[in-house]
N, C-alpha and C. Protein backbone atom coordinates (compact mmCIF):
# COMPACT_ATOMS: atom_id res chain seq x y z
N MET A 1 10.79 -68.20 21.31
CA MET A 1 11.12 -67.97 22.71
C MET A 1 9.85 -67.87 23.54
N ALA A 2 9.97 -68.14 24.81
CA ALA A 2 8.80 -68.20 25.68
C ALA A 2 8.23 -66.81 25.93
N GLU A 3 6.94 -66.81 26.27
CA GLU A 3 6.26 -65.56 26.57
C GLU A 3 6.64 -65.07 27.96
N ASN A 4 6.77 -63.75 28.11
CA ASN A 4 7.09 -63.14 29.39
C ASN A 4 5.86 -62.44 29.93
N LYS A 5 5.84 -62.27 31.24
CA LYS A 5 4.74 -61.56 31.89
C LYS A 5 4.75 -60.11 31.42
N TRP A 6 3.57 -59.59 31.16
CA TRP A 6 3.43 -58.22 30.66
C TRP A 6 2.64 -57.43 31.68
N ARG A 7 3.25 -56.41 32.21
CA ARG A 7 2.63 -55.62 33.29
C ARG A 7 1.91 -54.42 32.70
N GLY A 8 0.68 -54.22 33.08
CA GLY A 8 -0.05 -53.04 32.67
C GLY A 8 0.22 -51.88 33.61
N GLN A 9 0.14 -50.66 33.08
CA GLN A 9 0.28 -49.50 33.96
C GLN A 9 -0.45 -48.33 33.33
N GLY A 10 -0.91 -47.44 34.17
CA GLY A 10 -1.52 -46.22 33.67
C GLY A 10 -2.92 -46.45 33.14
N GLU A 11 -3.57 -45.38 32.74
CA GLU A 11 -4.94 -45.43 32.27
C GLU A 11 -5.05 -45.11 30.79
N LYS A 12 -3.97 -44.70 30.16
CA LYS A 12 -4.04 -44.28 28.75
C LYS A 12 -4.16 -45.50 27.86
N MET A 13 -5.24 -45.54 27.07
CA MET A 13 -5.46 -46.65 26.17
C MET A 13 -5.08 -46.22 24.75
N GLY A 14 -5.08 -47.20 23.84
CA GLY A 14 -4.72 -46.90 22.47
C GLY A 14 -3.24 -47.09 22.24
N LEU A 15 -2.78 -46.58 21.10
CA LEU A 15 -1.39 -46.77 20.68
C LEU A 15 -0.83 -45.44 20.18
N SER A 16 0.31 -45.05 20.72
CA SER A 16 0.92 -43.79 20.31
C SER A 16 2.43 -43.95 20.26
N VAL A 17 3.06 -43.05 19.50
CA VAL A 17 4.52 -43.03 19.41
C VAL A 17 4.99 -41.60 19.67
N LYS A 18 6.04 -41.47 20.47
CA LYS A 18 6.62 -40.17 20.77
C LYS A 18 8.09 -40.17 20.39
N LEU A 19 8.50 -39.16 19.62
CA LEU A 19 9.92 -38.98 19.33
C LEU A 19 10.57 -38.30 20.53
N LEU A 20 11.53 -38.96 21.13
CA LEU A 20 12.27 -38.38 22.25
C LEU A 20 13.48 -37.60 21.76
N GLY A 21 13.98 -37.96 20.58
CA GLY A 21 15.15 -37.31 20.00
C GLY A 21 16.07 -38.36 19.40
N HIS A 22 16.86 -37.94 18.38
CA HIS A 22 17.82 -38.83 17.73
C HIS A 22 17.09 -40.08 17.23
N ALA A 23 17.41 -41.27 17.74
CA ALA A 23 16.69 -42.50 17.37
C ALA A 23 15.90 -43.04 18.55
N SER A 24 15.65 -42.21 19.54
CA SER A 24 14.96 -42.61 20.77
C SER A 24 13.46 -42.37 20.64
N PHE A 25 12.67 -43.40 20.97
CA PHE A 25 11.21 -43.30 20.88
C PHE A 25 10.58 -43.92 22.12
N GLN A 26 9.40 -43.42 22.43
CA GLN A 26 8.53 -44.05 23.43
C GLN A 26 7.25 -44.47 22.73
N ILE A 27 6.91 -45.75 22.85
CA ILE A 27 5.65 -46.26 22.35
C ILE A 27 4.77 -46.57 23.57
N THR A 28 3.55 -46.07 23.53
CA THR A 28 2.60 -46.35 24.59
C THR A 28 1.47 -47.18 24.00
N ALA A 29 1.27 -48.38 24.54
CA ALA A 29 0.26 -49.30 24.03
C ALA A 29 -0.65 -49.72 25.18
N ASP A 30 -1.85 -49.17 25.21
CA ASP A 30 -2.82 -49.46 26.27
C ASP A 30 -2.19 -49.31 27.65
N GLY A 31 -1.47 -48.21 27.84
CA GLY A 31 -0.88 -47.90 29.13
C GLY A 31 0.44 -48.56 29.41
N LYS A 32 0.92 -49.39 28.50
CA LYS A 32 2.21 -50.06 28.67
C LYS A 32 3.27 -49.25 27.93
N ILE A 33 4.45 -49.17 28.49
CA ILE A 33 5.49 -48.26 28.00
C ILE A 33 6.65 -49.05 27.38
N ILE A 34 6.94 -48.73 26.13
CA ILE A 34 8.07 -49.34 25.41
C ILE A 34 9.03 -48.21 25.01
N TYR A 35 10.29 -48.35 25.39
CA TYR A 35 11.32 -47.41 24.94
C TYR A 35 12.22 -48.11 23.92
N ILE A 36 12.59 -47.36 22.89
CA ILE A 36 13.54 -47.85 21.89
C ILE A 36 14.75 -46.93 21.88
N ASP A 37 15.93 -47.53 21.99
CA ASP A 37 17.21 -46.81 21.95
C ASP A 37 17.25 -45.60 22.89
N PRO A 38 17.10 -45.83 24.19
CA PRO A 38 17.12 -44.71 25.14
C PRO A 38 18.42 -43.91 25.06
N TYR A 39 18.26 -42.60 24.86
CA TYR A 39 19.43 -41.70 24.79
C TYR A 39 18.97 -40.26 24.98
N GLN A 40 18.30 -39.69 24.00
CA GLN A 40 17.86 -38.31 24.11
C GLN A 40 16.44 -38.24 24.66
N GLY A 41 16.11 -37.07 25.21
CA GLY A 41 14.75 -36.82 25.62
C GLY A 41 14.51 -36.99 27.11
N THR A 42 13.25 -36.77 27.50
CA THR A 42 12.81 -36.87 28.88
C THR A 42 12.08 -38.19 29.08
N TYR A 43 12.46 -38.91 30.14
CA TYR A 43 11.92 -40.24 30.41
C TYR A 43 11.13 -40.18 31.71
N GLU A 44 9.83 -39.93 31.59
CA GLU A 44 8.99 -39.71 32.77
C GLU A 44 8.34 -40.99 33.26
N ASP A 45 8.14 -41.97 32.38
CA ASP A 45 7.41 -43.18 32.72
C ASP A 45 8.36 -44.36 32.87
N LYS A 46 8.07 -45.23 33.82
CA LYS A 46 8.83 -46.46 33.96
C LYS A 46 8.52 -47.39 32.78
N ALA A 47 9.48 -48.23 32.46
CA ALA A 47 9.38 -49.04 31.25
C ALA A 47 8.86 -50.44 31.53
N ASP A 48 7.97 -50.91 30.66
CA ASP A 48 7.60 -52.32 30.63
C ASP A 48 8.56 -53.09 29.72
N LEU A 49 9.00 -52.45 28.65
CA LEU A 49 9.87 -53.09 27.67
C LEU A 49 10.85 -52.06 27.13
N ILE A 50 12.12 -52.44 27.05
CA ILE A 50 13.16 -51.58 26.49
C ILE A 50 13.84 -52.35 25.37
N LEU A 51 13.96 -51.72 24.20
CA LEU A 51 14.63 -52.30 23.05
C LEU A 51 15.85 -51.47 22.70
N VAL A 52 16.99 -52.11 22.54
CA VAL A 52 18.23 -51.44 22.15
C VAL A 52 18.71 -52.08 20.85
N THR A 53 19.01 -51.25 19.84
CA THR A 53 19.39 -51.80 18.54
C THR A 53 20.87 -52.15 18.44
N HIS A 54 21.73 -51.37 19.13
CA HIS A 54 23.17 -51.68 19.12
C HIS A 54 23.87 -50.95 20.25
N SER A 55 25.15 -51.19 20.39
CA SER A 55 25.86 -50.82 21.62
C SER A 55 26.38 -49.39 21.65
N HIS A 56 26.29 -48.63 20.57
CA HIS A 56 26.80 -47.26 20.60
C HIS A 56 26.04 -46.44 21.64
N HIS A 57 26.76 -45.55 22.30
CA HIS A 57 26.19 -44.83 23.44
C HIS A 57 24.95 -44.04 23.06
N ASP A 58 24.89 -43.53 21.83
CA ASP A 58 23.73 -42.74 21.43
C ASP A 58 22.51 -43.60 21.10
N HIS A 59 22.60 -44.88 21.42
CA HIS A 59 21.46 -45.79 21.28
C HIS A 59 21.28 -46.64 22.54
N CYS A 60 22.30 -46.68 23.35
CA CYS A 60 22.28 -47.52 24.56
C CYS A 60 22.87 -46.72 25.71
N ASP A 61 22.07 -45.77 26.21
CA ASP A 61 22.49 -44.92 27.32
C ASP A 61 22.12 -45.63 28.62
N VAL A 62 23.12 -46.18 29.28
CA VAL A 62 22.88 -47.00 30.46
C VAL A 62 22.20 -46.20 31.57
N ALA A 63 22.54 -44.94 31.72
CA ALA A 63 21.91 -44.12 32.75
C ALA A 63 20.42 -43.97 32.50
N LYS A 64 20.04 -43.75 31.24
CA LYS A 64 18.61 -43.62 30.91
C LYS A 64 17.90 -44.96 31.14
N ILE A 65 18.54 -46.05 30.76
CA ILE A 65 17.95 -47.37 30.96
C ILE A 65 17.73 -47.63 32.44
N SER A 66 18.72 -47.33 33.25
CA SER A 66 18.62 -47.56 34.69
C SER A 66 17.51 -46.72 35.32
N ALA A 67 17.31 -45.52 34.78
CA ALA A 67 16.32 -44.61 35.36
C ALA A 67 14.89 -45.10 35.17
N VAL A 68 14.64 -45.84 34.09
CA VAL A 68 13.26 -46.27 33.81
C VAL A 68 13.06 -47.75 34.06
N ARG A 69 14.12 -48.44 34.44
CA ARG A 69 14.04 -49.89 34.63
C ARG A 69 13.37 -50.22 35.97
N MET A 70 12.55 -51.27 35.94
CA MET A 70 11.97 -51.85 37.15
C MET A 70 12.37 -53.32 37.21
N ASP A 71 12.06 -53.97 38.29
CA ASP A 71 12.40 -55.38 38.42
C ASP A 71 11.78 -56.21 37.31
N GLU A 72 10.56 -55.85 36.90
CA GLU A 72 9.84 -56.64 35.90
C GLU A 72 10.04 -56.14 34.47
N THR A 73 10.83 -55.09 34.27
CA THR A 73 11.07 -54.58 32.92
C THR A 73 11.82 -55.62 32.09
N VAL A 74 11.32 -55.85 30.88
CA VAL A 74 12.00 -56.74 29.93
C VAL A 74 12.91 -55.89 29.06
N ILE A 75 14.19 -56.27 28.98
CA ILE A 75 15.16 -55.55 28.16
C ILE A 75 15.67 -56.48 27.08
N ILE A 76 15.60 -56.01 25.84
CA ILE A 76 16.10 -56.75 24.69
C ILE A 76 17.21 -55.91 24.05
N ALA A 77 18.39 -56.48 23.93
CA ALA A 77 19.54 -55.74 23.40
C ALA A 77 20.56 -56.75 22.87
N PRO A 78 21.41 -56.33 21.93
CA PRO A 78 22.47 -57.22 21.46
C PRO A 78 23.37 -57.68 22.61
N ALA A 79 23.99 -58.83 22.43
CA ALA A 79 24.75 -59.46 23.51
C ALA A 79 25.86 -58.57 24.04
N ASP A 80 26.49 -57.76 23.18
CA ASP A 80 27.60 -56.93 23.67
C ASP A 80 27.12 -55.75 24.50
N CYS A 81 25.80 -55.50 24.54
CA CYS A 81 25.25 -54.47 25.41
C CYS A 81 25.01 -54.99 26.83
N ALA A 82 24.81 -56.30 26.95
CA ALA A 82 24.35 -56.88 28.22
C ALA A 82 25.28 -56.59 29.40
N PRO A 83 26.61 -56.72 29.27
CA PRO A 83 27.47 -56.44 30.43
C PRO A 83 27.37 -54.99 30.90
N ARG A 84 27.17 -54.06 29.98
CA ARG A 84 27.04 -52.64 30.36
C ARG A 84 25.71 -52.38 31.05
N ILE A 85 24.65 -52.99 30.55
CA ILE A 85 23.33 -52.76 31.11
C ILE A 85 23.18 -53.46 32.46
N GLY A 86 23.70 -54.68 32.54
CA GLY A 86 23.62 -55.45 33.77
C GLY A 86 22.27 -56.11 33.96
N GLY A 87 22.21 -57.09 34.85
CA GLY A 87 20.98 -57.80 35.12
C GLY A 87 20.58 -58.68 33.95
N GLU A 88 19.30 -59.04 33.92
CA GLU A 88 18.82 -59.92 32.85
C GLU A 88 18.56 -59.12 31.58
N VAL A 89 19.22 -59.51 30.51
CA VAL A 89 19.04 -58.88 29.21
C VAL A 89 18.86 -60.00 28.19
N LYS A 90 17.80 -59.92 27.41
CA LYS A 90 17.54 -60.90 26.37
C LYS A 90 18.11 -60.38 25.05
N SER A 91 18.75 -61.25 24.27
CA SER A 91 19.35 -60.85 23.01
C SER A 91 18.69 -61.62 21.87
N LEU A 92 18.34 -60.88 20.81
CA LEU A 92 17.75 -61.48 19.62
C LEU A 92 18.67 -61.24 18.43
N LYS A 93 18.83 -62.26 17.63
CA LYS A 93 19.53 -62.14 16.35
C LYS A 93 18.48 -62.04 15.25
N PRO A 94 18.85 -61.52 14.07
CA PRO A 94 17.87 -61.46 12.99
C PRO A 94 17.20 -62.81 12.76
N GLY A 95 15.88 -62.77 12.73
CA GLY A 95 15.11 -63.99 12.59
C GLY A 95 14.53 -64.49 13.90
N ASP A 96 15.09 -64.02 15.03
CA ASP A 96 14.57 -64.41 16.33
C ASP A 96 13.31 -63.61 16.67
N LYS A 97 12.46 -64.20 17.49
CA LYS A 97 11.19 -63.59 17.88
C LYS A 97 11.01 -63.77 19.39
N LEU A 98 10.41 -62.77 20.03
CA LEU A 98 10.10 -62.87 21.45
C LEU A 98 8.71 -62.31 21.69
N HIS A 99 7.89 -63.06 22.45
CA HIS A 99 6.58 -62.59 22.85
C HIS A 99 6.69 -62.02 24.26
N VAL A 100 6.26 -60.79 24.41
CA VAL A 100 6.23 -60.14 25.72
C VAL A 100 4.79 -59.73 25.97
N GLY A 101 4.05 -60.61 26.65
CA GLY A 101 2.62 -60.37 26.83
C GLY A 101 1.94 -60.28 25.48
N SER A 102 1.26 -59.16 25.22
CA SER A 102 0.52 -58.97 23.97
C SER A 102 1.39 -58.38 22.87
N VAL A 103 2.67 -58.19 23.11
CA VAL A 103 3.59 -57.61 22.13
C VAL A 103 4.50 -58.70 21.59
N THR A 104 4.72 -58.68 20.28
CA THR A 104 5.69 -59.58 19.66
C THR A 104 6.81 -58.75 19.07
N VAL A 105 8.04 -59.14 19.35
CA VAL A 105 9.22 -58.43 18.84
C VAL A 105 10.01 -59.37 17.95
N ASP A 106 10.24 -58.96 16.71
CA ASP A 106 11.09 -59.68 15.78
C ASP A 106 12.35 -58.86 15.55
N ALA A 107 13.51 -59.51 15.55
CA ALA A 107 14.75 -58.83 15.19
C ALA A 107 15.00 -59.00 13.69
N VAL A 108 15.44 -57.94 13.06
CA VAL A 108 15.74 -57.95 11.62
C VAL A 108 17.11 -57.33 11.39
N PRO A 109 17.73 -57.58 10.23
CA PRO A 109 19.08 -57.07 10.00
C PRO A 109 19.15 -55.54 9.98
N ALA A 110 20.29 -55.02 10.40
CA ALA A 110 20.62 -53.59 10.33
C ALA A 110 22.13 -53.49 10.24
N TYR A 111 22.65 -52.87 9.18
CA TYR A 111 24.11 -52.82 9.02
C TYR A 111 24.50 -51.84 7.92
N ASN A 112 25.76 -51.48 7.92
CA ASN A 112 26.35 -50.68 6.83
C ASN A 112 27.09 -51.59 5.87
N TYR A 113 26.97 -51.30 4.59
CA TYR A 113 27.83 -51.94 3.60
C TYR A 113 28.51 -50.90 2.71
N LYS A 114 28.19 -49.62 2.94
CA LYS A 114 28.77 -48.57 2.11
C LYS A 114 29.29 -47.38 2.92
N ARG A 115 29.23 -47.47 4.24
CA ARG A 115 29.73 -46.39 5.10
C ARG A 115 30.74 -46.97 6.07
N PHE A 116 31.96 -46.41 6.04
CA PHE A 116 33.07 -47.06 6.71
C PHE A 116 33.79 -46.12 7.66
N ARG A 117 34.16 -46.66 8.81
CA ARG A 117 34.99 -45.96 9.79
C ARG A 117 36.40 -45.78 9.24
N GLU A 118 36.88 -46.82 8.57
CA GLU A 118 38.14 -46.84 7.84
C GLU A 118 37.98 -47.90 6.76
N PRO A 119 38.86 -47.94 5.79
CA PRO A 119 38.66 -48.91 4.69
C PRO A 119 38.42 -50.32 5.21
N GLY A 120 37.31 -50.89 4.78
CA GLY A 120 36.97 -52.26 5.15
C GLY A 120 36.31 -52.43 6.51
N VAL A 121 36.13 -51.33 7.25
CA VAL A 121 35.54 -51.42 8.60
C VAL A 121 34.28 -50.54 8.65
N PRO A 122 33.11 -51.13 8.48
CA PRO A 122 31.87 -50.34 8.51
C PRO A 122 31.62 -49.75 9.90
N PHE A 123 30.91 -48.63 9.94
CA PHE A 123 30.49 -48.07 11.22
C PHE A 123 29.64 -49.08 11.99
N HIS A 124 28.79 -49.79 11.25
CA HIS A 124 27.90 -50.78 11.86
C HIS A 124 28.03 -52.07 11.06
N PRO A 125 28.97 -52.94 11.45
CA PRO A 125 29.18 -54.18 10.70
C PRO A 125 27.95 -55.10 10.78
N LYS A 126 27.77 -55.90 9.76
CA LYS A 126 26.67 -56.86 9.76
C LYS A 126 26.82 -57.81 10.95
N GLY A 127 25.75 -57.96 11.71
CA GLY A 127 25.76 -58.83 12.87
C GLY A 127 26.00 -58.12 14.19
N SER A 128 26.38 -56.83 14.13
CA SER A 128 26.66 -56.12 15.38
C SER A 128 25.42 -55.48 15.99
N GLY A 129 24.42 -55.25 15.17
CA GLY A 129 23.19 -54.63 15.65
C GLY A 129 22.00 -55.18 14.90
N VAL A 130 20.83 -54.73 15.28
CA VAL A 130 19.59 -55.20 14.67
C VAL A 130 18.61 -54.04 14.54
N GLY A 131 17.59 -54.26 13.74
CA GLY A 131 16.38 -53.46 13.78
C GLY A 131 15.31 -54.30 14.45
N TYR A 132 14.16 -53.70 14.70
CA TYR A 132 13.08 -54.44 15.36
C TYR A 132 11.75 -54.22 14.65
N LEU A 133 10.98 -55.30 14.55
CA LEU A 133 9.57 -55.23 14.19
C LEU A 133 8.78 -55.45 15.48
N ILE A 134 7.95 -54.49 15.82
CA ILE A 134 7.17 -54.54 17.06
C ILE A 134 5.71 -54.68 16.67
N MET A 135 5.12 -55.83 16.94
CA MET A 135 3.72 -56.07 16.63
C MET A 135 2.89 -55.85 17.89
N VAL A 136 2.03 -54.84 17.84
CA VAL A 136 1.25 -54.47 19.02
C VAL A 136 -0.07 -53.85 18.57
N ASN A 137 -1.14 -54.21 19.25
CA ASN A 137 -2.47 -53.67 18.94
C ASN A 137 -2.84 -53.83 17.47
N GLY A 138 -2.42 -54.93 16.86
CA GLY A 138 -2.78 -55.20 15.47
C GLY A 138 -1.98 -54.42 14.45
N LYS A 139 -0.93 -53.72 14.88
CA LYS A 139 -0.10 -52.94 13.97
C LYS A 139 1.37 -53.35 14.12
N THR A 140 2.13 -53.15 13.03
CA THR A 140 3.56 -53.45 13.06
C THR A 140 4.35 -52.15 12.92
N ILE A 141 5.23 -51.91 13.89
CA ILE A 141 6.12 -50.76 13.89
C ILE A 141 7.54 -51.25 13.61
N TYR A 142 8.20 -50.63 12.66
CA TYR A 142 9.56 -51.01 12.28
C TYR A 142 10.53 -49.92 12.70
N HIS A 143 11.45 -50.27 13.58
CA HIS A 143 12.56 -49.38 13.92
C HIS A 143 13.79 -49.95 13.24
N ALA A 144 14.34 -49.20 12.29
CA ALA A 144 15.39 -49.75 11.42
C ALA A 144 16.75 -49.86 12.08
N GLY A 145 16.97 -49.15 13.20
CA GLY A 145 18.32 -49.10 13.77
C GLY A 145 19.24 -48.26 12.89
N ASP A 146 20.54 -48.36 13.14
CA ASP A 146 21.52 -47.66 12.31
C ASP A 146 21.89 -48.55 11.15
N THR A 147 21.55 -48.14 9.95
CA THR A 147 21.66 -49.03 8.80
C THR A 147 21.70 -48.24 7.50
N ASP A 148 22.28 -48.85 6.49
CA ASP A 148 22.10 -48.38 5.12
C ASP A 148 20.76 -48.92 4.61
N PHE A 149 20.39 -48.51 3.41
CA PHE A 149 19.24 -49.13 2.74
C PHE A 149 19.70 -50.50 2.26
N ILE A 150 19.23 -51.54 2.93
CA ILE A 150 19.73 -52.89 2.70
C ILE A 150 18.68 -53.75 1.99
N PRO A 151 19.10 -54.79 1.28
CA PRO A 151 18.15 -55.61 0.52
C PRO A 151 17.05 -56.21 1.37
N GLU A 152 17.35 -56.52 2.62
CA GLU A 152 16.35 -57.16 3.49
C GLU A 152 15.12 -56.27 3.72
N MET A 153 15.28 -54.96 3.54
CA MET A 153 14.13 -54.08 3.72
C MET A 153 13.04 -54.35 2.68
N ARG A 154 13.43 -54.83 1.52
CA ARG A 154 12.45 -55.10 0.46
C ARG A 154 11.54 -56.27 0.81
N GLU A 155 11.93 -57.04 1.82
CA GLU A 155 11.13 -58.20 2.21
C GLU A 155 10.08 -57.87 3.27
N LEU A 156 10.12 -56.67 3.81
CA LEU A 156 9.18 -56.28 4.86
C LEU A 156 7.79 -56.06 4.27
N ARG A 157 6.78 -56.47 5.01
CA ARG A 157 5.40 -56.38 4.54
C ARG A 157 4.50 -55.83 5.64
N GLU A 158 3.47 -55.11 5.20
CA GLU A 158 2.39 -54.64 6.08
C GLU A 158 2.92 -53.88 7.29
N ILE A 159 3.80 -52.92 7.02
CA ILE A 159 4.34 -52.06 8.07
C ILE A 159 3.42 -50.85 8.23
N HIS A 160 2.94 -50.64 9.43
CA HIS A 160 2.09 -49.47 9.69
C HIS A 160 2.94 -48.22 9.86
N LEU A 161 4.02 -48.34 10.64
CA LEU A 161 4.89 -47.20 10.93
C LEU A 161 6.33 -47.62 10.77
N ALA A 162 7.07 -46.88 9.95
CA ALA A 162 8.51 -47.12 9.76
C ALA A 162 9.29 -45.95 10.33
N LEU A 163 10.21 -46.25 11.24
CA LEU A 163 11.11 -45.26 11.83
C LEU A 163 12.45 -45.45 11.15
N LEU A 164 12.80 -44.52 10.25
CA LEU A 164 13.94 -44.70 9.35
C LEU A 164 14.98 -43.62 9.55
N PRO A 165 16.27 -44.00 9.66
CA PRO A 165 17.33 -42.99 9.75
C PRO A 165 17.55 -42.32 8.40
N CYS A 166 18.01 -41.08 8.44
CA CYS A 166 18.19 -40.35 7.18
C CYS A 166 19.36 -39.38 7.23
N GLY A 167 20.18 -39.43 8.25
CA GLY A 167 21.19 -38.40 8.45
C GLY A 167 22.43 -38.49 7.59
N GLY A 168 22.65 -39.67 6.95
CA GLY A 168 23.89 -39.83 6.21
C GLY A 168 25.07 -40.06 7.14
N LYS A 169 26.23 -40.20 6.60
CA LYS A 169 27.50 -40.48 7.27
C LYS A 169 27.49 -41.84 7.96
N TYR A 170 26.64 -42.04 8.96
CA TYR A 170 26.59 -43.30 9.70
C TYR A 170 25.44 -44.20 9.24
N THR A 171 24.46 -43.64 8.56
CA THR A 171 23.23 -44.36 8.17
C THR A 171 22.81 -43.91 6.78
N MET A 172 21.66 -44.38 6.36
CA MET A 172 21.06 -43.88 5.13
C MET A 172 21.04 -42.35 5.12
N ASP A 173 21.19 -41.78 3.94
CA ASP A 173 20.96 -40.35 3.77
C ASP A 173 19.53 -40.15 3.24
N ASN A 174 19.19 -38.92 2.93
CA ASN A 174 17.83 -38.65 2.47
C ASN A 174 17.42 -39.46 1.24
N PRO A 175 18.23 -39.46 0.14
CA PRO A 175 17.81 -40.24 -1.03
C PRO A 175 17.61 -41.72 -0.73
N GLU A 176 18.48 -42.29 0.10
CA GLU A 176 18.31 -43.70 0.45
C GLU A 176 17.09 -43.92 1.33
N ALA A 177 16.82 -42.99 2.23
CA ALA A 177 15.64 -43.10 3.08
C ALA A 177 14.37 -43.05 2.23
N VAL A 178 14.39 -42.23 1.18
CA VAL A 178 13.26 -42.21 0.25
C VAL A 178 13.12 -43.57 -0.42
N GLU A 179 14.23 -44.13 -0.91
CA GLU A 179 14.20 -45.47 -1.53
C GLU A 179 13.65 -46.51 -0.56
N ALA A 180 14.11 -46.44 0.67
CA ALA A 180 13.66 -47.41 1.68
C ALA A 180 12.17 -47.28 1.93
N ALA A 181 11.69 -46.05 2.05
CA ALA A 181 10.26 -45.84 2.29
C ALA A 181 9.44 -46.38 1.13
N LEU A 182 9.90 -46.18 -0.09
CA LEU A 182 9.16 -46.68 -1.24
C LEU A 182 9.17 -48.20 -1.28
N ALA A 183 10.29 -48.80 -0.88
CA ALA A 183 10.38 -50.26 -0.88
C ALA A 183 9.52 -50.88 0.22
N ILE A 184 9.52 -50.27 1.38
CA ILE A 184 8.78 -50.81 2.53
C ILE A 184 7.29 -50.50 2.43
N ASN A 185 6.99 -49.33 1.91
CA ASN A 185 5.61 -48.89 1.70
C ASN A 185 4.79 -48.88 2.99
N PRO A 186 5.28 -48.22 4.03
CA PRO A 186 4.49 -48.15 5.27
C PRO A 186 3.34 -47.16 5.14
N LYS A 187 2.38 -47.26 6.03
CA LYS A 187 1.33 -46.24 6.06
C LYS A 187 1.91 -44.91 6.49
N ILE A 188 2.83 -44.94 7.47
CA ILE A 188 3.43 -43.73 8.03
C ILE A 188 4.94 -43.94 8.13
N MET A 189 5.69 -42.89 7.87
CA MET A 189 7.13 -42.89 8.10
C MET A 189 7.49 -41.72 9.01
N ILE A 190 8.36 -41.97 9.96
CA ILE A 190 8.93 -40.90 10.78
C ILE A 190 10.44 -40.94 10.61
N PRO A 191 11.06 -39.88 10.09
CA PRO A 191 12.53 -39.85 9.99
C PRO A 191 13.17 -39.72 11.36
N MET A 192 14.32 -40.37 11.52
CA MET A 192 15.08 -40.29 12.77
C MET A 192 16.56 -40.22 12.44
N HIS A 193 17.40 -40.08 13.49
CA HIS A 193 18.86 -39.99 13.27
C HIS A 193 19.11 -39.01 12.13
N ARG A 194 18.59 -37.79 12.29
CA ARG A 194 18.41 -36.87 11.17
C ARG A 194 19.65 -36.05 10.83
N LEU A 195 20.45 -35.75 11.84
CA LEU A 195 21.60 -34.85 11.67
C LEU A 195 21.13 -33.57 11.00
N ASP A 196 21.72 -33.15 9.89
CA ASP A 196 21.38 -31.85 9.29
C ASP A 196 20.63 -32.01 7.97
N THR A 197 19.81 -33.03 7.85
CA THR A 197 19.15 -33.30 6.58
C THR A 197 17.97 -32.37 6.33
N ASP A 198 17.57 -32.27 5.08
CA ASP A 198 16.44 -31.46 4.66
C ASP A 198 15.17 -32.32 4.77
N LEU A 199 14.52 -32.26 5.92
CA LEU A 199 13.38 -33.13 6.17
C LEU A 199 12.17 -32.78 5.31
N LYS A 200 12.00 -31.51 5.00
CA LYS A 200 10.86 -31.12 4.17
C LYS A 200 11.00 -31.70 2.77
N LYS A 201 12.22 -31.73 2.26
CA LYS A 201 12.44 -32.32 0.93
C LYS A 201 12.18 -33.82 0.96
N LEU A 202 12.63 -34.48 2.02
CA LEU A 202 12.38 -35.92 2.15
C LEU A 202 10.87 -36.18 2.17
N LYS A 203 10.16 -35.43 2.98
CA LYS A 203 8.70 -35.60 3.07
C LYS A 203 8.04 -35.41 1.71
N GLU A 204 8.43 -34.36 1.01
CA GLU A 204 7.84 -34.07 -0.30
C GLU A 204 8.09 -35.21 -1.29
N GLN A 205 9.32 -35.73 -1.31
CA GLN A 205 9.64 -36.78 -2.26
C GLN A 205 8.87 -38.06 -1.96
N VAL A 206 8.85 -38.48 -0.70
CA VAL A 206 8.14 -39.72 -0.35
C VAL A 206 6.65 -39.59 -0.64
N GLU A 207 6.06 -38.48 -0.24
CA GLU A 207 4.61 -38.34 -0.40
C GLU A 207 4.21 -38.15 -1.85
N ASN A 208 5.10 -37.59 -2.68
CA ASN A 208 4.80 -37.44 -4.11
C ASN A 208 4.89 -38.77 -4.86
N LEU A 209 5.67 -39.71 -4.32
CA LEU A 209 5.92 -40.96 -5.02
C LEU A 209 5.18 -42.16 -4.43
N SER A 210 4.45 -41.95 -3.34
CA SER A 210 3.80 -43.08 -2.67
C SER A 210 2.60 -42.58 -1.88
N ALA A 211 1.90 -43.54 -1.26
CA ALA A 211 0.78 -43.20 -0.38
C ALA A 211 1.21 -43.05 1.07
N THR A 212 2.51 -43.15 1.33
CA THR A 212 3.03 -43.04 2.70
C THR A 212 2.96 -41.60 3.21
N GLU A 213 2.48 -41.45 4.42
CA GLU A 213 2.47 -40.15 5.08
C GLU A 213 3.76 -40.00 5.89
N VAL A 214 4.47 -38.90 5.71
CA VAL A 214 5.70 -38.65 6.45
C VAL A 214 5.41 -37.65 7.56
N LEU A 215 5.67 -38.05 8.79
CA LEU A 215 5.46 -37.18 9.94
C LEU A 215 6.80 -36.63 10.41
N LEU A 216 6.92 -35.32 10.47
CA LEU A 216 8.14 -34.67 10.93
C LEU A 216 7.94 -34.24 12.38
N LEU A 217 8.04 -35.20 13.27
CA LEU A 217 7.84 -34.91 14.69
C LEU A 217 9.03 -34.13 15.24
N THR A 218 8.75 -33.26 16.18
CA THR A 218 9.80 -32.59 16.93
C THR A 218 10.01 -33.35 18.23
N PRO A 219 11.21 -33.28 18.83
CA PRO A 219 11.43 -34.02 20.08
C PRO A 219 10.39 -33.69 21.14
N GLY A 220 9.81 -34.73 21.70
CA GLY A 220 8.76 -34.58 22.69
C GLY A 220 7.36 -34.65 22.11
N GLN A 221 7.25 -34.61 20.79
CA GLN A 221 5.93 -34.64 20.15
C GLN A 221 5.43 -36.08 20.03
N GLU A 222 4.15 -36.28 20.29
CA GLU A 222 3.53 -37.60 20.28
C GLU A 222 2.47 -37.68 19.21
N HIS A 223 2.35 -38.85 18.60
CA HIS A 223 1.35 -39.06 17.56
C HIS A 223 0.54 -40.31 17.88
N GLU A 224 -0.79 -40.17 17.83
CA GLU A 224 -1.68 -41.31 18.05
C GLU A 224 -1.79 -42.11 16.75
N LEU A 225 -1.58 -43.43 16.86
CA LEU A 225 -1.69 -44.30 15.70
C LEU A 225 -3.10 -44.87 15.64
N GLU A 226 -3.76 -44.64 14.52
CA GLU A 226 -5.14 -45.09 14.37
C GLU A 226 -5.21 -46.35 13.52
């Protein structure tokens, strides 16, 4: 897909990630603002890029999107989100890639195959949502979306930061999140979509079995990526 204009803003340089809550994150890259799955948290900065993994309200809060959207904001979301969001929305399917200035976004699979709303109906059917690989400042950030531990995760390479759900019921639980972290082998993992999981146990297991550092951010906490 064609490259889009990328607007710079602010004076903060470098690369950082902030947990806003649930599966919502803010990535700041050389003063440019990227939001993923706007829902929880405080949204103080206008967005250069917004990524939505799927249409559930706790990942696609239209009010939050509208609050940070500008005329030049690029929004990437699944096609069924577009009518709710309104305006120009770009949709990527797994395997699709979009260049937004100095940022490259790849869509990857995200789905349930073992968690069901009712027999035969997954909470997140294959093809209804995506995860994203965000390549920025020489690093790759993986936001898994709402998903089980799926075979496609074993194909991921050179991930600097993996944002992985671990809450169970709708997504991977703690044991599966540990499996996913070991398979992906990122430099850093941040658990998300946590529900009532034992995060300290997850951190201990991943760090005992791999070189991955697990960061247990609290909502509003920011981490500089080096």
